[in-house]
Amino acid sequence: MSAVRSHRYSVADADLEEFLARRGSLIATVREGHPGLTHAVLIRLEDGTYTDIWHWESAEQMGAALASIPTFPEAPLTMALTADHTALNGEVVDEH
């Protein structure tokens, strides 16, 4: 069964372009070592915060990638542009 990692955070308008570039680089790097990342979706919510949902083929693949995040220099560089960050893991129960 597929799994997701959901992040919620804010990004200053002045940092958004740089954040998007860094996020893209991070996603590419993660996929190089962990091809189970099927897609990542960034959503700007009406309150101005963002929800970033990363979809994985399995919880095991997601767990392996999360364990290796400290080896990706792009991770702290990307997250340095965010504030009020929270993250939750979940399992896809129904999808249409």
Protein backbone atom coordinates (compact mmCIF):
# COMPACT_ATOMS: atom_id res chain seq x y z
CA MET A 1 0.00 0.00 0.00
CA SER A 2 1.31 3.46 -0.81
CA ALA A 3 2.33 5.97 1.83
CA VAL A 4 2.58 9.74 2.10
CA ARG A 5 4.63 12.25 4.05
CA SER A 6 2.73 15.49 4.52
CA HIS A 7 4.50 18.71 5.48
CA ARG A 8 2.89 22.00 6.40
CA TYR A 9 4.89 25.20 6.64
CA SER A 10 5.09 28.81 5.64
CA VAL A 11 7.55 30.41 3.22
CA ALA A 12 8.13 34.16 2.97
CA ASP A 13 7.05 35.57 -0.39
CA ALA A 14 10.57 36.92 -0.93
CA ASP A 15 11.99 33.38 -0.50
CA LEU A 16 9.48 31.46 -2.61
CA GLU A 17 11.44 31.34 -5.87
CA GLU A 18 14.59 30.14 -4.10
CA PHE A 19 12.56 27.67 -2.04
CA LEU A 20 11.02 26.16 -5.18
CA ALA A 21 14.46 25.74 -6.77
CA ARG A 22 15.87 24.11 -3.64
CA ARG A 23 12.81 21.88 -3.25
CA GLY A 24 13.16 20.71 -6.84
CA SER A 25 16.83 19.89 -6.27
CA LEU A 26 15.98 18.01 -3.07
CA ILE A 27 13.28 15.95 -4.81
CA ALA A 28 15.68 15.05 -7.63
CA THR A 29 18.37 13.99 -5.16
CA VAL A 30 15.95 11.89 -3.11
CA ARG A 31 14.68 10.16 -6.27
CA GLU A 32 18.23 9.26 -7.33
CA GLY A 33 18.66 7.06 -4.28
CA HIS A 34 15.02 6.28 -3.57
CA PRO A 35 12.98 5.81 -6.75
CA GLY A 36 9.92 4.84 -4.69
CA LEU A 37 9.03 8.55 -4.51
CA THR A 38 6.27 8.62 -7.12
CA HIS A 39 5.31 12.29 -6.94
CA ALA A 40 5.40 15.37 -4.76
CA VAL A 41 2.69 18.02 -4.71
CA LEU A 42 3.03 21.51 -3.24
CA ILE A 43 -0.23 23.30 -2.47
CA ARG A 44 -0.61 26.93 -1.39
CA LEU A 45 -3.51 27.08 1.03
CA GLU A 46 -5.88 30.01 1.34
CA ASP A 47 -4.24 31.10 4.60
CA GLY A 48 -0.90 31.50 2.78
CA THR A 49 0.74 28.39 4.23
CA TYR A 50 1.82 25.40 2.14
CA THR A 51 1.06 21.70 2.26
CA ASP A 52 3.72 19.56 0.62
CA ILE A 53 2.69 15.94 0.07
CA TRP A 54 5.23 13.34 -1.03
CA HIS A 55 3.77 10.06 -2.31
CA TRP A 56 5.71 6.81 -1.96
CA GLU A 57 5.13 3.34 -3.39
CA SER A 58 5.36 1.85 0.11
CA ALA A 59 5.88 2.78 3.75
CA GLU A 60 9.16 0.84 3.70
CA GLN A 61 10.51 2.93 0.83
CA MET A 62 9.42 6.12 2.55
CA GLY A 63 11.07 5.01 5.80
CA ALA A 64 14.35 4.22 4.05
CA ALA A 65 14.37 7.63 2.39
CA LEU A 66 13.54 9.45 5.62
CA ALA A 67 16.37 7.63 7.39
CA SER A 68 18.81 8.90 4.77
CA ILE A 69 17.62 12.53 4.73
CA PRO A 70 20.57 13.65 6.91
CA THR A 71 22.88 12.63 4.03
CA PHE A 72 21.19 15.04 1.61
CA PRO A 73 22.70 18.53 1.92
CA GLU A 74 19.69 19.96 0.08
CA ALA A 75 17.35 19.08 2.96
CA PRO A 76 18.53 21.65 5.55
CA LEU A 77 19.11 24.24 2.81
CA THR A 78 15.52 23.85 1.63
CA MET A 79 13.92 23.74 5.06
CA ALA A 80 15.92 26.79 6.20
CA LEU A 81 13.52 28.86 4.08
CA THR A 82 10.44 27.57 5.94
CA ALA A 83 8.84 28.44 9.26
CA ASP A 84 6.31 26.71 11.51
CA HIS A 85 7.09 23.32 9.98
CA THR A 86 5.11 20.20 10.89
CA ALA A 87 5.23 16.76 9.26
CA LEU A 88 2.98 13.70 9.40
CA ASN A 89 3.27 10.25 7.84
CA GLY A 90 0.25 8.37 6.56
CA GLU A 91 -0.97 5.41 4.58
CA VAL A 92 -3.23 5.80 1.56
CA VAL A 93 -6.53 4.12 2.36
CA ASP A 94 -8.59 5.11 -0.70
CA GLU A 95 -7.68 6.82 -3.93
CA HIS A 96 -9.74 7.58 -7.04
